[in-house]
mmCIF file of all heavy atoms, coordinates in Angstrom:
data_MODEL
# 
_entry.id   MODEL 
# 
loop_
_atom_site.group_PDB 
_atom_site.id 
_atom_site.type_symbol 
_atom_site.label_atom_id 
_atom_site.label_alt_id 
_atom_site.label_comp_id 
_atom_site.label_asym_id 
_atom_site.label_entity_id 
_atom_site.label_seq_id 
_atom_site.pdbx_PDB_ins_code 
_atom_site.Cartn_x 
_atom_site.Cartn_y 
_atom_site.Cartn_z 
_atom_site.occupancy 
_atom_site.B_iso_or_equiv 
_atom_site.pdbx_formal_charge 
_atom_site.auth_seq_id 
_atom_site.auth_comp_id 
_atom_site.auth_asym_id 
_atom_site.auth_atom_id 
_atom_site.pdbx_PDB_model_num 
ATOM 1   N N   . THR A 1 1  ? -32.925 -70.317 132.713 1.00 0.00 ? 1  THR A N   1 
ATOM 2   C CA  . THR A 1 1  ? -33.499 -70.234 134.065 1.00 0.00 ? 1  THR A CA  1 
ATOM 3   C C   . THR A 1 1  ? -34.219 -68.907 134.253 1.00 0.00 ? 1  THR A C   1 
ATOM 4   O O   . THR A 1 1  ? -35.347 -68.865 134.758 1.00 0.00 ? 1  THR A O   1 
ATOM 5   C CB  . THR A 1 1  ? -32.403 -70.403 135.124 1.00 0.00 ? 1  THR A CB  1 
ATOM 6   O OG1 . THR A 1 1  ? -31.818 -71.699 134.965 1.00 0.00 ? 1  THR A OG1 1 
ATOM 7   C CG2 . THR A 1 1  ? -32.955 -70.270 136.524 1.00 0.00 ? 1  THR A CG2 1 
ATOM 8   N N   . THR A 1 2  ? -33.604 -67.828 133.842 1.00 0.00 ? 2  THR A N   1 
ATOM 9   C CA  . THR A 1 2  ? -34.228 -66.506 133.960 1.00 0.00 ? 2  THR A CA  1 
ATOM 10  C C   . THR A 1 2  ? -35.502 -66.443 133.136 1.00 0.00 ? 2  THR A C   1 
ATOM 11  O O   . THR A 1 2  ? -36.531 -65.939 133.604 1.00 0.00 ? 2  THR A O   1 
ATOM 12  C CB  . THR A 1 2  ? -33.244 -65.407 133.515 1.00 0.00 ? 2  THR A CB  1 
ATOM 13  O OG1 . THR A 1 2  ? -32.094 -65.463 134.361 1.00 0.00 ? 2  THR A OG1 1 
ATOM 14  C CG2 . THR A 1 2  ? -33.868 -64.035 133.597 1.00 0.00 ? 2  THR A CG2 1 
ATOM 15  N N   . LEU A 1 3  ? -35.464 -66.954 131.924 1.00 0.00 ? 3  LEU A N   1 
ATOM 16  C CA  . LEU A 1 3  ? -36.629 -66.960 131.058 1.00 0.00 ? 3  LEU A CA  1 
ATOM 17  C C   . LEU A 1 3  ? -37.764 -67.783 131.668 1.00 0.00 ? 3  LEU A C   1 
ATOM 18  O O   . LEU A 1 3  ? -38.914 -67.339 131.720 1.00 0.00 ? 3  LEU A O   1 
ATOM 19  C CB  . LEU A 1 3  ? -36.259 -67.502 129.676 1.00 0.00 ? 3  LEU A CB  1 
ATOM 20  C CG  . LEU A 1 3  ? -37.387 -67.622 128.656 1.00 0.00 ? 3  LEU A CG  1 
ATOM 21  C CD1 . LEU A 1 3  ? -38.053 -66.266 128.414 1.00 0.00 ? 3  LEU A CD1 1 
ATOM 22  C CD2 . LEU A 1 3  ? -36.835 -68.187 127.362 1.00 0.00 ? 3  LEU A CD2 1 
ATOM 23  N N   . MET A 1 4  ? -37.458 -68.978 132.149 1.00 0.00 ? 4  MET A N   1 
ATOM 24  C CA  . MET A 1 4  ? -38.485 -69.834 132.749 1.00 0.00 ? 4  MET A CA  1 
ATOM 25  C C   . MET A 1 4  ? -39.070 -69.197 134.010 1.00 0.00 ? 4  MET A C   1 
ATOM 26  O O   . MET A 1 4  ? -40.281 -69.260 134.228 1.00 0.00 ? 4  MET A O   1 
ATOM 27  C CB  . MET A 1 4  ? -37.924 -71.219 133.053 1.00 0.00 ? 4  MET A CB  1 
ATOM 28  C CG  . MET A 1 4  ? -37.739 -72.075 131.820 1.00 0.00 ? 4  MET A CG  1 
ATOM 29  S SD  . MET A 1 4  ? -39.277 -72.385 130.918 1.00 0.00 ? 4  MET A SD  1 
ATOM 30  C CE  . MET A 1 4  ? -40.179 -73.330 132.125 1.00 0.00 ? 4  MET A CE  1 
ATOM 31  N N   . ARG A 1 5  ? -38.250 -68.584 134.824 1.00 0.00 ? 5  ARG A N   1 
ATOM 32  C CA  . ARG A 1 5  ? -38.775 -67.925 136.029 1.00 0.00 ? 5  ARG A CA  1 
ATOM 33  C C   . ARG A 1 5  ? -39.722 -66.794 135.662 1.00 0.00 ? 5  ARG A C   1 
ATOM 34  O O   . ARG A 1 5  ? -40.744 -66.591 136.297 1.00 0.00 ? 5  ARG A O   1 
ATOM 35  C CB  . ARG A 1 5  ? -37.630 -67.428 136.905 1.00 0.00 ? 5  ARG A CB  1 
ATOM 36  C CG  . ARG A 1 5  ? -36.937 -68.563 137.628 1.00 0.00 ? 5  ARG A CG  1 
ATOM 37  C CD  . ARG A 1 5  ? -35.913 -68.058 138.602 1.00 0.00 ? 5  ARG A CD  1 
ATOM 38  N NE  . ARG A 1 5  ? -35.321 -69.190 139.310 1.00 0.00 ? 5  ARG A NE  1 
ATOM 39  C CZ  . ARG A 1 5  ? -34.086 -69.238 139.724 1.00 0.00 ? 5  ARG A CZ  1 
ATOM 40  N NH1 . ARG A 1 5  ? -33.272 -68.211 139.518 1.00 0.00 ? 5  ARG A NH1 1 
ATOM 41  N NH2 . ARG A 1 5  ? -33.630 -70.298 140.353 1.00 0.00 ? 5  ARG A NH2 1 
ATOM 42  N N   . TYR A 1 6  ? -39.387 -66.052 134.629 1.00 0.00 ? 6  TYR A N   1 
ATOM 43  C CA  . TYR A 1 6  ? -40.269 -64.987 134.159 1.00 0.00 ? 6  TYR A CA  1 
ATOM 44  C C   . TYR A 1 6  ? -41.601 -65.573 133.676 1.00 0.00 ? 6  TYR A C   1 
ATOM 45  O O   . TYR A 1 6  ? -42.675 -65.073 134.025 1.00 0.00 ? 6  TYR A O   1 
ATOM 46  C CB  . TYR A 1 6  ? -39.606 -64.188 133.036 1.00 0.00 ? 6  TYR A CB  1 
ATOM 47  C CG  . TYR A 1 6  ? -40.539 -63.152 132.465 1.00 0.00 ? 6  TYR A CG  1 
ATOM 48  C CD1 . TYR A 1 6  ? -40.676 -61.913 133.084 1.00 0.00 ? 6  TYR A CD1 1 
ATOM 49  C CD2 . TYR A 1 6  ? -41.294 -63.421 131.343 1.00 0.00 ? 6  TYR A CD2 1 
ATOM 50  C CE1 . TYR A 1 6  ? -41.560 -60.963 132.574 1.00 0.00 ? 6  TYR A CE1 1 
ATOM 51  C CE2 . TYR A 1 6  ? -42.179 -62.482 130.829 1.00 0.00 ? 6  TYR A CE2 1 
ATOM 52  C CZ  . TYR A 1 6  ? -42.302 -61.254 131.454 1.00 0.00 ? 6  TYR A CZ  1 
ATOM 53  O OH  . TYR A 1 6  ? -43.178 -60.327 130.960 1.00 0.00 ? 6  TYR A OH  1 
ATOM 54  N N   . LEU A 1 7  ? -41.532 -66.628 132.869 1.00 0.00 ? 7  LEU A N   1 
ATOM 55  C CA  . LEU A 1 7  ? -42.748 -67.249 132.345 1.00 0.00 ? 7  LEU A CA  1 
ATOM 56  C C   . LEU A 1 7  ? -43.621 -67.810 133.466 1.00 0.00 ? 7  LEU A C   1 
ATOM 57  O O   . LEU A 1 7  ? -44.844 -67.665 133.446 1.00 0.00 ? 7  LEU A O   1 
ATOM 58  C CB  . LEU A 1 7  ? -42.395 -68.348 131.344 1.00 0.00 ? 7  LEU A CB  1 
ATOM 59  C CG  . LEU A 1 7  ? -41.759 -67.877 130.041 1.00 0.00 ? 7  LEU A CG  1 
ATOM 60  C CD1 . LEU A 1 7  ? -41.252 -69.069 129.232 1.00 0.00 ? 7  LEU A CD1 1 
ATOM 61  C CD2 . LEU A 1 7  ? -42.736 -67.052 129.229 1.00 0.00 ? 7  LEU A CD2 1 
ATOM 62  N N   . LEU A 1 8  ? -43.006 -68.433 134.459 1.00 0.00 ? 8  LEU A N   1 
ATOM 63  C CA  . LEU A 1 8  ? -43.766 -68.977 135.577 1.00 0.00 ? 8  LEU A CA  1 
ATOM 64  C C   . LEU A 1 8  ? -44.402 -67.868 136.400 1.00 0.00 ? 8  LEU A C   1 
ATOM 65  O O   . LEU A 1 8  ? -45.553 -67.980 136.835 1.00 0.00 ? 8  LEU A O   1 
ATOM 66  C CB  . LEU A 1 8  ? -42.876 -69.860 136.453 1.00 0.00 ? 8  LEU A CB  1 
ATOM 67  C CG  . LEU A 1 8  ? -42.422 -71.158 135.794 1.00 0.00 ? 8  LEU A CG  1 
ATOM 68  C CD1 . LEU A 1 8  ? -41.366 -71.837 136.647 1.00 0.00 ? 8  LEU A CD1 1 
ATOM 69  C CD2 . LEU A 1 8  ? -43.606 -72.082 135.545 1.00 0.00 ? 8  LEU A CD2 1 
ATOM 70  N N   . ASN A 1 9  ? -43.677 -66.789 136.620 1.00 0.00 ? 9  ASN A N   1 
ATOM 71  C CA  . ASN A 1 9  ? -44.229 -65.657 137.359 1.00 0.00 ? 9  ASN A CA  1 
ATOM 72  C C   . ASN A 1 9  ? -45.420 -65.066 136.600 1.00 0.00 ? 9  ASN A C   1 
ATOM 73  O O   . ASN A 1 9  ? -46.453 -64.740 137.193 1.00 0.00 ? 9  ASN A O   1 
ATOM 74  C CB  . ASN A 1 9  ? -43.148 -64.603 137.588 1.00 0.00 ? 9  ASN A CB  1 
ATOM 75  C CG  . ASN A 1 9  ? -43.601 -63.540 138.536 1.00 0.00 ? 9  ASN A CG  1 
ATOM 76  O OD1 . ASN A 1 9  ? -44.173 -63.836 139.586 1.00 0.00 ? 9  ASN A OD1 1 
ATOM 77  N ND2 . ASN A 1 9  ? -43.364 -62.291 138.197 1.00 0.00 ? 9  ASN A ND2 1 
ATOM 78  N N   . TYR A 1 10 ? -45.307 -64.949 135.299 1.00 0.00 ? 10 TYR A N   1 
ATOM 79  C CA  . TYR A 1 10 ? -46.396 -64.441 134.468 1.00 0.00 ? 10 TYR A CA  1 
ATOM 80  C C   . TYR A 1 10 ? -47.595 -65.394 134.515 1.00 0.00 ? 10 TYR A C   1 
ATOM 81  O O   . TYR A 1 10 ? -48.749 -64.954 134.559 1.00 0.00 ? 10 TYR A O   1 
ATOM 82  C CB  . TYR A 1 10 ? -45.904 -64.248 133.035 1.00 0.00 ? 10 TYR A CB  1 
ATOM 83  C CG  . TYR A 1 10 ? -46.868 -63.503 132.165 1.00 0.00 ? 10 TYR A CG  1 
ATOM 84  C CD1 . TYR A 1 10 ? -46.920 -62.112 132.179 1.00 0.00 ? 10 TYR A CD1 1 
ATOM 85  C CD2 . TYR A 1 10 ? -47.744 -64.179 131.331 1.00 0.00 ? 10 TYR A CD2 1 
ATOM 86  C CE1 . TYR A 1 10 ? -47.807 -61.412 131.383 1.00 0.00 ? 10 TYR A CE1 1 
ATOM 87  C CE2 . TYR A 1 10 ? -48.641 -63.488 130.532 1.00 0.00 ? 10 TYR A CE2 1 
ATOM 88  C CZ  . TYR A 1 10 ? -48.666 -62.110 130.561 1.00 0.00 ? 10 TYR A CZ  1 
ATOM 89  O OH  . TYR A 1 10 ? -49.551 -61.424 129.773 1.00 0.00 ? 10 TYR A OH  1 
ATOM 90  N N   . ALA A 1 11 ? -47.325 -66.683 134.510 1.00 0.00 ? 11 ALA A N   1 
ATOM 91  C CA  . ALA A 1 11 ? -48.395 -67.688 134.521 1.00 0.00 ? 11 ALA A CA  1 
ATOM 92  C C   . ALA A 1 11 ? -49.228 -67.623 135.798 1.00 0.00 ? 11 ALA A C   1 
ATOM 93  O O   . ALA A 1 11 ? -50.405 -67.995 135.788 1.00 0.00 ? 11 ALA A O   1 
ATOM 94  C CB  . ALA A 1 11 ? -47.797 -69.083 134.357 1.00 0.00 ? 11 ALA A CB  1 
ATOM 95  N N   . ARG A 1 12 ? -48.659 -67.153 136.888 1.00 0.00 ? 12 ARG A N   1 
ATOM 96  C CA  . ARG A 1 12 ? -49.385 -67.061 138.161 1.00 0.00 ? 12 ARG A CA  1 
ATOM 97  C C   . ARG A 1 12 ? -50.659 -66.230 138.044 1.00 0.00 ? 12 ARG A C   1 
ATOM 98  O O   . ARG A 1 12 ? -51.579 -66.395 138.821 1.00 0.00 ? 12 ARG A O   1 
ATOM 99  C CB  . ARG A 1 12 ? -48.495 -66.451 139.240 1.00 0.00 ? 12 ARG A CB  1 
ATOM 100 C CG  . ARG A 1 12 ? -47.493 -67.398 139.783 1.00 0.00 ? 12 ARG A CG  1 
ATOM 101 C CD  . ARG A 1 12 ? -46.713 -66.778 140.953 1.00 0.00 ? 12 ARG A CD  1 
ATOM 102 N NE  . ARG A 1 12 ? -45.774 -67.745 141.455 1.00 0.00 ? 12 ARG A NE  1 
ATOM 103 C CZ  . ARG A 1 12 ? -44.520 -67.859 141.057 1.00 0.00 ? 12 ARG A CZ  1 
ATOM 104 N NH1 . ARG A 1 12 ? -44.042 -67.020 140.157 1.00 0.00 ? 12 ARG A NH1 1 
ATOM 105 N NH2 . ARG A 1 12 ? -43.727 -68.793 141.544 1.00 0.00 ? 12 ARG A NH2 1 
ATOM 106 N N   . ARG A 1 13 ? -50.700 -65.337 137.086 1.00 0.00 ? 13 ARG A N   1 
ATOM 107 C CA  . ARG A 1 13 ? -51.872 -64.478 136.903 1.00 0.00 ? 13 ARG A CA  1 
ATOM 108 C C   . ARG A 1 13 ? -53.102 -65.264 136.458 1.00 0.00 ? 13 ARG A C   1 
ATOM 109 O O   . ARG A 1 13 ? -54.222 -64.835 136.709 1.00 0.00 ? 13 ARG A O   1 
ATOM 110 C CB  . ARG A 1 13 ? -51.583 -63.406 135.857 1.00 0.00 ? 13 ARG A CB  1 
ATOM 111 C CG  . ARG A 1 13 ? -50.442 -62.506 136.221 1.00 0.00 ? 13 ARG A CG  1 
ATOM 112 C CD  . ARG A 1 13 ? -50.143 -61.563 135.084 1.00 0.00 ? 13 ARG A CD  1 
ATOM 113 N NE  . ARG A 1 13 ? -48.944 -60.801 135.360 1.00 0.00 ? 13 ARG A NE  1 
ATOM 114 C CZ  . ARG A 1 13 ? -48.471 -59.882 134.562 1.00 0.00 ? 13 ARG A CZ  1 
ATOM 115 N NH1 . ARG A 1 13 ? -49.072 -59.605 133.429 1.00 0.00 ? 13 ARG A NH1 1 
ATOM 116 N NH2 . ARG A 1 13 ? -47.371 -59.232 134.878 1.00 0.00 ? 13 ARG A NH2 1 
ATOM 117 N N   . SER A 1 14 ? -52.887 -66.382 135.772 1.00 0.00 ? 14 SER A N   1 
ATOM 118 C CA  . SER A 1 14 ? -54.010 -67.087 135.157 1.00 0.00 ? 14 SER A CA  1 
ATOM 119 C C   . SER A 1 14 ? -54.123 -68.574 135.489 1.00 0.00 ? 14 SER A C   1 
ATOM 120 O O   . SER A 1 14 ? -55.154 -69.173 135.214 1.00 0.00 ? 14 SER A O   1 
ATOM 121 C CB  . SER A 1 14 ? -53.922 -66.962 133.631 1.00 0.00 ? 14 SER A CB  1 
ATOM 122 O OG  . SER A 1 14 ? -53.916 -65.612 133.246 1.00 0.00 ? 14 SER A OG  1 
ATOM 123 N N   . PHE A 1 15 ? -53.068 -69.165 136.023 1.00 0.00 ? 15 PHE A N   1 
ATOM 124 C CA  . PHE A 1 15 ? -53.065 -70.615 136.201 1.00 0.00 ? 15 PHE A CA  1 
ATOM 125 C C   . PHE A 1 15 ? -52.688 -71.007 137.624 1.00 0.00 ? 15 PHE A C   1 
ATOM 126 O O   . PHE A 1 15 ? -51.957 -70.293 138.305 1.00 0.00 ? 15 PHE A O   1 
ATOM 127 C CB  . PHE A 1 15 ? -52.070 -71.269 135.230 1.00 0.00 ? 15 PHE A CB  1 
ATOM 128 C CG  . PHE A 1 15 ? -52.359 -70.940 133.796 1.00 0.00 ? 15 PHE A CG  1 
ATOM 129 C CD1 . PHE A 1 15 ? -51.563 -70.042 133.099 1.00 0.00 ? 15 PHE A CD1 1 
ATOM 130 C CD2 . PHE A 1 15 ? -53.433 -71.513 133.134 1.00 0.00 ? 15 PHE A CD2 1 
ATOM 131 C CE1 . PHE A 1 15 ? -51.826 -69.727 131.780 1.00 0.00 ? 15 PHE A CE1 1 
ATOM 132 C CE2 . PHE A 1 15 ? -53.705 -71.201 131.817 1.00 0.00 ? 15 PHE A CE2 1 
ATOM 133 C CZ  . PHE A 1 15 ? -52.904 -70.312 131.135 1.00 0.00 ? 15 PHE A CZ  1 
ATOM 134 N N   . ARG A 1 16 ? -53.171 -72.175 138.042 1.00 0.00 ? 16 ARG A N   1 
ATOM 135 C CA  . ARG A 1 16 ? -52.809 -72.702 139.355 1.00 0.00 ? 16 ARG A CA  1 
ATOM 136 C C   . ARG A 1 16 ? -51.567 -73.597 139.272 1.00 0.00 ? 16 ARG A C   1 
ATOM 137 O O   . ARG A 1 16 ? -50.857 -73.796 140.229 1.00 0.00 ? 16 ARG A O   1 
ATOM 138 C CB  . ARG A 1 16 ? -53.972 -73.457 139.988 1.00 0.00 ? 16 ARG A CB  1 
ATOM 139 C CG  . ARG A 1 16 ? -54.374 -74.687 139.233 1.00 0.00 ? 16 ARG A CG  1 
ATOM 140 C CD  . ARG A 1 16 ? -55.448 -75.471 139.969 1.00 0.00 ? 16 ARG A CD  1 
ATOM 141 N NE  . ARG A 1 16 ? -56.001 -76.508 139.130 1.00 0.00 ? 16 ARG A NE  1 
ATOM 142 C CZ  . ARG A 1 16 ? -55.394 -77.649 138.848 1.00 0.00 ? 16 ARG A CZ  1 
ATOM 143 N NH1 . ARG A 1 16 ? -54.224 -77.930 139.351 1.00 0.00 ? 16 ARG A NH1 1 
ATOM 144 N NH2 . ARG A 1 16 ? -55.957 -78.531 138.052 1.00 0.00 ? 16 ARG A NH2 1 
ATOM 145 N N   . SER A 1 17 ? -51.337 -74.154 138.082 1.00 0.00 ? 17 SER A N   1 
ATOM 146 C CA  . SER A 1 17 ? -50.143 -74.962 137.845 1.00 0.00 ? 17 SER A CA  1 
ATOM 147 C C   . SER A 1 17 ? -49.784 -74.857 136.368 1.00 0.00 ? 17 SER A C   1 
ATOM 148 O O   . SER A 1 17 ? -50.576 -74.420 135.543 1.00 0.00 ? 17 SER A O   1 
ATOM 149 C CB  . SER A 1 17 ? -50.370 -76.424 138.234 1.00 0.00 ? 17 SER A CB  1 
ATOM 150 O OG  . SER A 1 17 ? -51.344 -77.014 137.414 1.00 0.00 ? 17 SER A OG  1 
ATOM 151 N N   . VAL A 1 18 ? -48.561 -75.263 136.066 1.00 0.00 ? 18 VAL A N   1 
ATOM 152 C CA  . VAL A 1 18 ? -48.059 -75.224 134.686 1.00 0.00 ? 18 VAL A CA  1 
ATOM 153 C C   . VAL A 1 18 ? -47.386 -76.549 134.388 1.00 0.00 ? 18 VAL A C   1 
ATOM 154 O O   . VAL A 1 18 ? -46.638 -77.078 135.222 1.00 0.00 ? 18 VAL A O   1 
ATOM 155 C CB  . VAL A 1 18 ? -47.045 -74.069 134.499 1.00 0.00 ? 18 VAL A CB  1 
ATOM 156 C CG1 . VAL A 1 18 ? -46.408 -74.120 133.118 1.00 0.00 ? 18 VAL A CG1 1 
ATOM 157 C CG2 . VAL A 1 18 ? -47.713 -72.728 134.717 1.00 0.00 ? 18 VAL A CG2 1 
ATOM 158 N N   . ARG A 1 19 ? -47.649 -77.077 133.206 1.00 0.00 ? 19 ARG A N   1 
ATOM 159 C CA  . ARG A 1 19 ? -47.000 -78.303 132.746 1.00 0.00 ? 19 ARG A CA  1 
ATOM 160 C C   . ARG A 1 19 ? -46.006 -77.975 131.646 1.00 0.00 ? 19 ARG A C   1 
ATOM 161 O O   . ARG A 1 19 ? -46.158 -77.009 130.912 1.00 0.00 ? 19 ARG A O   1 
ATOM 162 C CB  . ARG A 1 19 ? -48.038 -79.291 132.215 1.00 0.00 ? 19 ARG A CB  1 
ATOM 163 C CG  . ARG A 1 19 ? -48.868 -79.881 133.315 1.00 0.00 ? 19 ARG A CG  1 
ATOM 164 C CD  . ARG A 1 19 ? -49.800 -80.914 132.786 1.00 0.00 ? 19 ARG A CD  1 
ATOM 165 N NE  . ARG A 1 19 ? -50.558 -81.470 133.887 1.00 0.00 ? 19 ARG A NE  1 
ATOM 166 C CZ  . ARG A 1 19 ? -51.690 -82.115 133.735 1.00 0.00 ? 19 ARG A CZ  1 
ATOM 167 N NH1 . ARG A 1 19 ? -52.198 -82.295 132.531 1.00 0.00 ? 19 ARG A NH1 1 
ATOM 168 N NH2 . ARG A 1 19 ? -52.316 -82.604 134.780 1.00 0.00 ? 19 ARG A NH2 1 
ATOM 169 N N   . PHE A 1 20 ? -44.998 -78.836 131.551 1.00 0.00 ? 20 PHE A N   1 
ATOM 170 C CA  . PHE A 1 20 ? -43.946 -78.636 130.559 1.00 0.00 ? 20 PHE A CA  1 
ATOM 171 C C   . PHE A 1 20 ? -43.498 -79.989 130.046 1.00 0.00 ? 20 PHE A C   1 
ATOM 172 O O   . PHE A 1 20 ? -43.415 -80.951 130.809 1.00 0.00 ? 20 PHE A O   1 
ATOM 173 C CB  . PHE A 1 20 ? -42.764 -77.900 131.186 1.00 0.00 ? 20 PHE A CB  1 
ATOM 174 C CG  . PHE A 1 20 ? -41.748 -77.444 130.185 1.00 0.00 ? 20 PHE A CG  1 
ATOM 175 C CD1 . PHE A 1 20 ? -41.897 -76.231 129.538 1.00 0.00 ? 20 PHE A CD1 1 
ATOM 176 C CD2 . PHE A 1 20 ? -40.663 -78.224 129.862 1.00 0.00 ? 20 PHE A CD2 1 
ATOM 177 C CE1 . PHE A 1 20 ? -40.980 -75.810 128.586 1.00 0.00 ? 20 PHE A CE1 1 
ATOM 178 C CE2 . PHE A 1 20 ? -39.738 -77.814 128.920 1.00 0.00 ? 20 PHE A CE2 1 
ATOM 179 C CZ  . PHE A 1 20 ? -39.900 -76.602 128.283 1.00 0.00 ? 20 PHE A CZ  1 
ATOM 180 N N   . PHE A 1 21 ? -43.190 -80.071 128.770 1.00 0.00 ? 21 PHE A N   1 
ATOM 181 C CA  . PHE A 1 21 ? -42.693 -81.308 128.170 1.00 0.00 ? 21 PHE A CA  1 
ATOM 182 C C   . PHE A 1 21 ? -41.240 -81.144 127.758 1.00 0.00 ? 21 PHE A C   1 
ATOM 183 O O   . PHE A 1 21 ? -40.862 -80.145 127.162 1.00 0.00 ? 21 PHE A O   1 
ATOM 184 C CB  . PHE A 1 21 ? -43.512 -81.686 126.933 1.00 0.00 ? 21 PHE A CB  1 
ATOM 185 C CG  . PHE A 1 21 ? -42.952 -82.869 126.203 1.00 0.00 ? 21 PHE A CG  1 
ATOM 186 C CD1 . PHE A 1 21 ? -43.216 -84.146 126.652 1.00 0.00 ? 21 PHE A CD1 1 
ATOM 187 C CD2 . PHE A 1 21 ? -42.133 -82.706 125.100 1.00 0.00 ? 21 PHE A CD2 1 
ATOM 188 C CE1 . PHE A 1 21 ? -42.681 -85.250 125.996 1.00 0.00 ? 21 PHE A CE1 1 
ATOM 189 C CE2 . PHE A 1 21 ? -41.595 -83.797 124.437 1.00 0.00 ? 21 PHE A CE2 1 
ATOM 190 C CZ  . PHE A 1 21 ? -41.881 -85.075 124.889 1.00 0.00 ? 21 PHE A CZ  1 
ATOM 191 N N   . THR A 1 22 ? -40.442 -82.123 128.084 1.00 0.00 ? 22 THR A N   1 
ATOM 192 C CA  . THR A 1 22 ? -39.087 -82.219 127.543 1.00 0.00 ? 22 THR A CA  1 
ATOM 193 C C   . THR A 1 22 ? -38.825 -83.683 127.255 1.00 0.00 ? 22 THR A C   1 
ATOM 194 O O   . THR A 1 22 ? -39.301 -84.563 127.983 1.00 0.00 ? 22 THR A O   1 
ATOM 195 C CB  . THR A 1 22 ? -38.023 -81.651 128.494 1.00 0.00 ? 22 THR A CB  1 
ATOM 196 O OG1 . THR A 1 22 ? -36.753 -81.738 127.852 1.00 0.00 ? 22 THR A OG1 1 
ATOM 197 C CG2 . THR A 1 22 ? -37.965 -82.385 129.812 1.00 0.00 ? 22 THR A CG2 1 
ATOM 198 N N   . ASP A 1 23 ? -38.097 -83.949 126.208 1.00 0.00 ? 23 ASP A N   1 
ATOM 199 C CA  . ASP A 1 23 ? -37.818 -85.339 125.853 1.00 0.00 ? 23 ASP A CA  1 
ATOM 200 C C   . ASP A 1 23 ? -36.362 -85.720 126.081 1.00 0.00 ? 23 ASP A C   1 
ATOM 201 O O   . ASP A 1 23 ? -35.904 -86.738 125.595 1.00 0.00 ? 23 ASP A O   1 
ATOM 202 C CB  . ASP A 1 23 ? -38.241 -85.625 124.407 1.00 0.00 ? 23 ASP A CB  1 
ATOM 203 C CG  . ASP A 1 23 ? -37.539 -84.738 123.408 1.00 0.00 ? 23 ASP A CG  1 
ATOM 204 O OD1 . ASP A 1 23 ? -36.762 -83.854 123.816 1.00 0.00 ? 23 ASP A OD1 1 
ATOM 205 O OD2 . ASP A 1 23 ? -37.777 -84.916 122.198 1.00 0.00 ? 23 ASP A OD2 1 
ATOM 206 N N   . THR A 1 24 ? -35.649 -84.890 126.837 1.00 0.00 ? 24 THR A N   1 
ATOM 207 C CA  . THR A 1 24 ? -34.253 -85.209 127.139 1.00 0.00 ? 24 THR A CA  1 
ATOM 208 C C   . THR A 1 24 ? -34.041 -85.296 128.637 1.00 0.00 ? 24 THR A C   1 
ATOM 209 O O   . THR A 1 24 ? -34.698 -84.601 129.416 1.00 0.00 ? 24 THR A O   1 
ATOM 210 C CB  . THR A 1 24 ? -33.288 -84.156 126.571 1.00 0.00 ? 24 THR A CB  1 
ATOM 211 O OG1 . THR A 1 24 ? -33.496 -82.922 127.257 1.00 0.00 ? 24 THR A OG1 1 
ATOM 212 C CG2 . THR A 1 24 ? -33.492 -83.956 125.070 1.00 0.00 ? 24 THR A CG2 1 
ATOM 213 N N   . LYS A 1 25 ? -33.133 -86.124 129.048 1.00 0.00 ? 25 LYS A N   1 
ATOM 214 C CA  . LYS A 1 25 ? -32.826 -86.272 130.476 1.00 0.00 ? 25 LYS A CA  1 
ATOM 215 C C   . LYS A 1 25 ? -32.236 -84.974 131.028 1.00 0.00 ? 25 LYS A C   1 
ATOM 216 O O   . LYS A 1 25 ? -32.575 -84.542 132.122 1.00 0.00 ? 25 LYS A O   1 
ATOM 217 C CB  . LYS A 1 25 ? -31.862 -87.435 130.694 1.00 0.00 ? 25 LYS A CB  1 
ATOM 218 C CG  . LYS A 1 25 ? -31.551 -87.687 132.153 1.00 0.00 ? 25 LYS A CG  1 
ATOM 219 C CD  . LYS A 1 25 ? -31.264 -89.129 132.397 1.00 0.00 ? 25 LYS A CD  1 
ATOM 220 C CE  . LYS A 1 25 ? -30.956 -89.396 133.833 1.00 0.00 ? 25 LYS A CE  1 
ATOM 221 N NZ  . LYS A 1 25 ? -32.109 -89.616 134.656 1.00 0.00 ? 25 LYS A NZ  1 
ATOM 222 N N   . GLY A 1 26 ? -31.389 -84.314 130.255 1.00 0.00 ? 26 GLY A N   1 
ATOM 223 C CA  . GLY A 1 26 ? -30.815 -83.043 130.685 1.00 0.00 ? 26 GLY A CA  1 
ATOM 224 C C   . GLY A 1 26 ? -31.881 -81.980 130.880 1.00 0.00 ? 26 GLY A C   1 
ATOM 225 O O   . GLY A 1 26 ? -31.848 -81.212 131.840 1.00 0.00 ? 26 GLY A O   1 
ATOM 226 N N   . GLY A 1 27 ? -32.847 -81.950 129.948 1.00 0.00 ? 27 GLY A N   1 
ATOM 227 C CA  . GLY A 1 27 ? -33.954 -81.009 130.078 1.00 0.00 ? 27 GLY A CA  1 
ATOM 228 C C   . GLY A 1 27 ? -34.784 -81.298 131.306 1.00 0.00 ? 27 GLY A C   1 
ATOM 229 O O   . GLY A 1 27 ? -35.153 -80.396 132.056 1.00 0.00 ? 27 GLY A O   1 
# 
């Protein structure tokens, strides 16, 4: 969660949205 929040905050500099792929229900 901490890692993803950091990545999303960093992405705000360049992107309007972010997509992510997971192939598990838990993910």
